[in-house]
C-alpha atoms as a PDB file:
ATOM      1  CA  UNK A   1     -12.672   0.725 -27.543  1.00  0.00           C
ATOM      2  CA  UNK A   2      -9.652   1.793 -25.664  1.00  0.00           C
ATOM      3  CA  UNK A   3      -8.217  -0.455 -22.908  1.00  0.00           C
ATOM      4  CA  UNK A   4      -7.620   1.128 -19.553  1.00  0.00           C
ATOM      5  CA  UNK A   5      -3.987   1.710 -18.517  1.00  0.00           C
ATOM      6  CA  UNK A   6      -2.257  -0.418 -15.979  1.00  0.00           C
ATOM      7  CA  UNK A   7      -2.370   2.396 -13.387  1.00  0.00           C
ATOM      8  CA  UNK A   8      -6.022   2.924 -14.022  1.00  0.00           C
ATOM      9  CA  UNK A   9      -6.661  -0.854 -13.550  1.00  0.00           C
ATOM     10  CA  UNK A  10      -4.566  -0.888 -10.320  1.00  0.00           C
ATOM     11  CA  UNK A  11      -6.394   1.977  -8.847  1.00  0.00           C
ATOM     12  CA  UNK A  12      -9.731   0.266  -9.614  1.00  0.00           C
ATOM     13  CA  UNK A  13      -8.601  -2.901  -7.955  1.00  0.00           C
ATOM     14  CA  UNK A  14      -7.318  -1.041  -4.945  1.00  0.00           C
ATOM     15  CA  UNK A  15     -10.627   0.831  -4.578  1.00  0.00           C
ATOM     16  CA  UNK A  16     -12.663  -2.404  -4.822  1.00  0.00           C
ATOM     17  CA  UNK A  17     -10.362  -3.962  -2.342  1.00  0.00           C
ATOM     18  CA  UNK A  18     -10.922  -1.080   0.191  1.00  0.00           C
ATOM     19  CA  UNK A  19     -14.688  -1.595  -0.256  1.00  0.00           C
ATOM     20  CA  UNK A  20     -14.304  -5.352   0.583  1.00  0.00           C
ATOM     21  CA  UNK A  21     -12.020  -4.307   3.495  1.00  0.00           C
ATOM     22  CA  UNK A  22     -14.696  -2.160   5.008  1.00  0.00           C
ATOM     23  CA  UNK A  23     -17.196  -4.872   4.560  1.00  0.00           C
ATOM     24  CA  UNK A  24     -14.769  -7.170   6.468  1.00  0.00           C
ATOM     25  CA  UNK A  25     -14.445  -9.514   3.474  1.00  0.00           C
ATOM     26  CA  UNK A  26     -10.789  -9.752   4.020  1.00  0.00           C
ATOM     27  CA  UNK A  27      -9.738 -12.465   1.590  1.00  0.00           C
ATOM     28  CA  UNK A  28     -11.583 -10.860  -1.173  1.00  0.00           C
ATOM     29  CA  UNK A  29      -9.993  -7.548  -0.331  1.00  0.00           C
ATOM     30  CA  UNK A  30      -6.613  -9.200  -0.298  1.00  0.00           C
ATOM     31  CA  UNK A  31      -7.018 -10.451  -3.718  1.00  0.00           C
ATOM     32  CA  UNK A  32      -7.814  -6.939  -5.092  1.00  0.00           C
ATOM     33  CA  UNK A  33      -4.826  -5.392  -3.333  1.00  0.00           C
ATOM     34  CA  UNK A  34      -2.576  -8.241  -4.574  1.00  0.00           C
ATOM     35  CA  UNK A  35      -3.961  -7.494  -8.228  1.00  0.00           C
ATOM     36  CA  UNK A  36      -3.280  -3.612  -7.718  1.00  0.00           C
ATOM     37  CA  UNK A  37       0.314  -4.241  -6.460  1.00  0.00           C
ATOM     38  CA  UNK A  38       0.791  -6.684  -9.345  1.00  0.00           C
ATOM     39  CA  UNK A  39      -0.182  -4.037 -11.937  1.00  0.00           C
ATOM     40  CA  UNK A  40       1.614  -1.093 -10.215  1.00  0.00           C
ATOM     41  CA  UNK A  41       4.212  -2.438  -7.665  1.00  0.00           C
ATOM     42  CA  UNK A  42       5.900   0.953  -7.141  1.00  0.00           C
ATOM     43  CA  UNK A  43       2.739   2.704  -6.026  1.00  0.00           C
ATOM     44  CA  UNK A  44       2.992   3.367  -2.207  1.00  0.00           C
ATOM     45  CA  UNK A  45      -0.744   3.422  -1.545  1.00  0.00           C
ATOM     46  CA  UNK A  46      -1.420  -0.080  -2.722  1.00  0.00           C
ATOM     47  CA  UNK A  47       1.301  -1.323  -0.220  1.00  0.00           C
ATOM     48  CA  UNK A  48      -0.340   0.835   2.491  1.00  0.00           C
ATOM     49  CA  UNK A  49      -3.827  -0.826   1.868  1.00  0.00           C
ATOM     50  CA  UNK A  50      -2.190  -4.187   2.028  1.00  0.00           C
ATOM     51  CA  UNK A  51      -0.770  -3.275   5.347  1.00  0.00           C
ATOM     52  CA  UNK A  52      -4.297  -2.279   6.385  1.00  0.00           C
ATOM     53  CA  UNK A  53      -5.418  -5.629   5.375  1.00  0.00           C
ATOM     54  CA  UNK A  54      -2.699  -7.416   7.372  1.00  0.00           C
ATOM     55  CA  UNK A  55      -3.592  -5.329  10.497  1.00  0.00           C
ATOM     56  CA  UNK A  56      -7.121  -6.411  10.233  1.00  0.00           C
ATOM     57  CA  UNK A  57      -5.951 -10.039  10.144  1.00  0.00           C
ATOM     58  CA  UNK A  58      -3.613  -9.499  13.110  1.00  0.00           C
ATOM     59  CA  UNK A  59      -0.580 -10.436  11.064  1.00  0.00           C
ATOM     60  CA  UNK A  60       1.914  -7.838  12.457  1.00  0.00           C
ATOM     61  CA  UNK A  61       4.922  -9.108  10.540  1.00  0.00           C
ATOM     62  CA  UNK A  62       3.336  -8.815   7.211  1.00  0.00           C
ATOM     63  CA  UNK A  63       1.669  -5.476   8.245  1.00  0.00           C
ATOM     64  CA  UNK A  64       5.048  -3.958   9.058  1.00  0.00           C
ATOM     65  CA  UNK A  65       6.731  -5.242   5.874  1.00  0.00           C
ATOM     66  CA  UNK A  66       3.947  -3.715   3.755  1.00  0.00           C
ATOM     67  CA  UNK A  67       4.231  -0.490   5.718  1.00  0.00           C
ATOM     68  CA  UNK A  68       7.865  -0.554   4.755  1.00  0.00           C
ATOM     69  CA  UNK A  69       7.197  -1.140   1.159  1.00  0.00           C
ATOM     70  CA  UNK A  70       4.773   1.774   1.402  1.00  0.00           C
ATOM     71  CA  UNK A  71       7.474   4.031   2.924  1.00  0.00           C
ATOM     72  CA  UNK A  72       9.979   2.918   0.267  1.00  0.00           C
ATOM     73  CA  UNK A  73       7.782   3.805  -2.609  1.00  0.00           C
ATOM     74  CA  UNK A  74       6.064   6.978  -1.054  1.00  0.00           C
ATOM     75  CA  UNK A  75       7.661   9.338  -3.614  1.00  0.00           C
ATOM     76  CA  UNK A  76       6.038   7.427  -6.584  1.00  0.00           C
ATOM     77  CA  UNK A  77       3.513  10.028  -7.227  1.00  0.00           C
ATOM     78  CA  UNK A  78       3.806  12.528  -4.504  1.00  0.00           C
ATOM     79  CA  UNK A  79       7.445  13.546  -3.573  1.00  0.00           C
ATOM     80  CA  UNK A  80       6.202  16.329  -1.434  1.00  0.00           C
ATOM     81  CA  UNK A  81       4.648  14.058   1.139  1.00  0.00           C
ATOM     82  CA  UNK A  82       7.573  14.047   3.490  1.00  0.00           C
ATOM     83  CA  UNK A  83       5.323  14.242   6.536  1.00  0.00           C
ATOM     84  CA  UNK A  84       3.365  11.294   5.651  1.00  0.00           C
ATOM     85  CA  UNK A  85       6.818   9.489   4.947  1.00  0.00           C
ATOM     86  CA  UNK A  86       7.817  10.401   8.579  1.00  0.00           C
ATOM     87  CA  UNK A  87       4.394   9.154   9.989  1.00  0.00           C
ATOM     88  CA  UNK A  88       4.739   5.931   7.958  1.00  0.00           C
ATOM     89  CA  UNK A  89       8.240   5.385   9.416  1.00  0.00           C
ATOM     90  CA  UNK A  90       6.878   5.879  12.943  1.00  0.00           C
ATOM     91  CA  UNK A  91       4.257   3.431  12.325  1.00  0.00           C
ATOM     92  CA  UNK A  92       6.586   0.906  10.611  1.00  0.00           C
ATOM     93  CA  UNK A  93       9.230   1.292  13.256  1.00  0.00           C
ATOM     94  CA  UNK A  94      11.896   2.023  10.755  1.00  0.00           C
ATOM     95  CA  UNK A  95      14.461   4.790  10.885  1.00  0.00           C
ATOM     96  CA  UNK A  96      14.899   7.113   7.819  1.00  0.00           C
ATOM     97  CA  UNK A  97      18.290   8.735   7.453  1.00  0.00           C
ATOM     98  CA  UNK A  98      19.637  10.466   4.310  1.00  0.00           C
ATOM     99  CA  UNK A  99      16.647   9.239   2.198  1.00  0.00           C
ATOM    100  CA  UNK A 100      17.301   5.753   3.129  1.00  0.00           C
ATOM    101  CA  UNK A 101      15.509   3.298   5.270  1.00  0.00           C
ATOM    102  CA  UNK A 102      17.729   1.825   8.022  1.00  0.00           C
END
């Protein structure tokens, strides 16, 4: 039996968390998103999902912090996603200059 990689386990946790988010079981969703971030903290998408969770719980401060983390890590897997990066900056209210968040 081969154990799944950390990235695979993180991805599974994130996907399960999304299912709970859609079902509005928010605290359960949060636990899965936290597990995904713990396993693979540099993956932008898991921070984005956490931002969605905070948005659903009306926690604007944490939502923006998670969006910022997502933006900071956006190039983890897909460096060609500059349009997505610009959009996330507009949502998070951050300024992106010379590949740095201001």
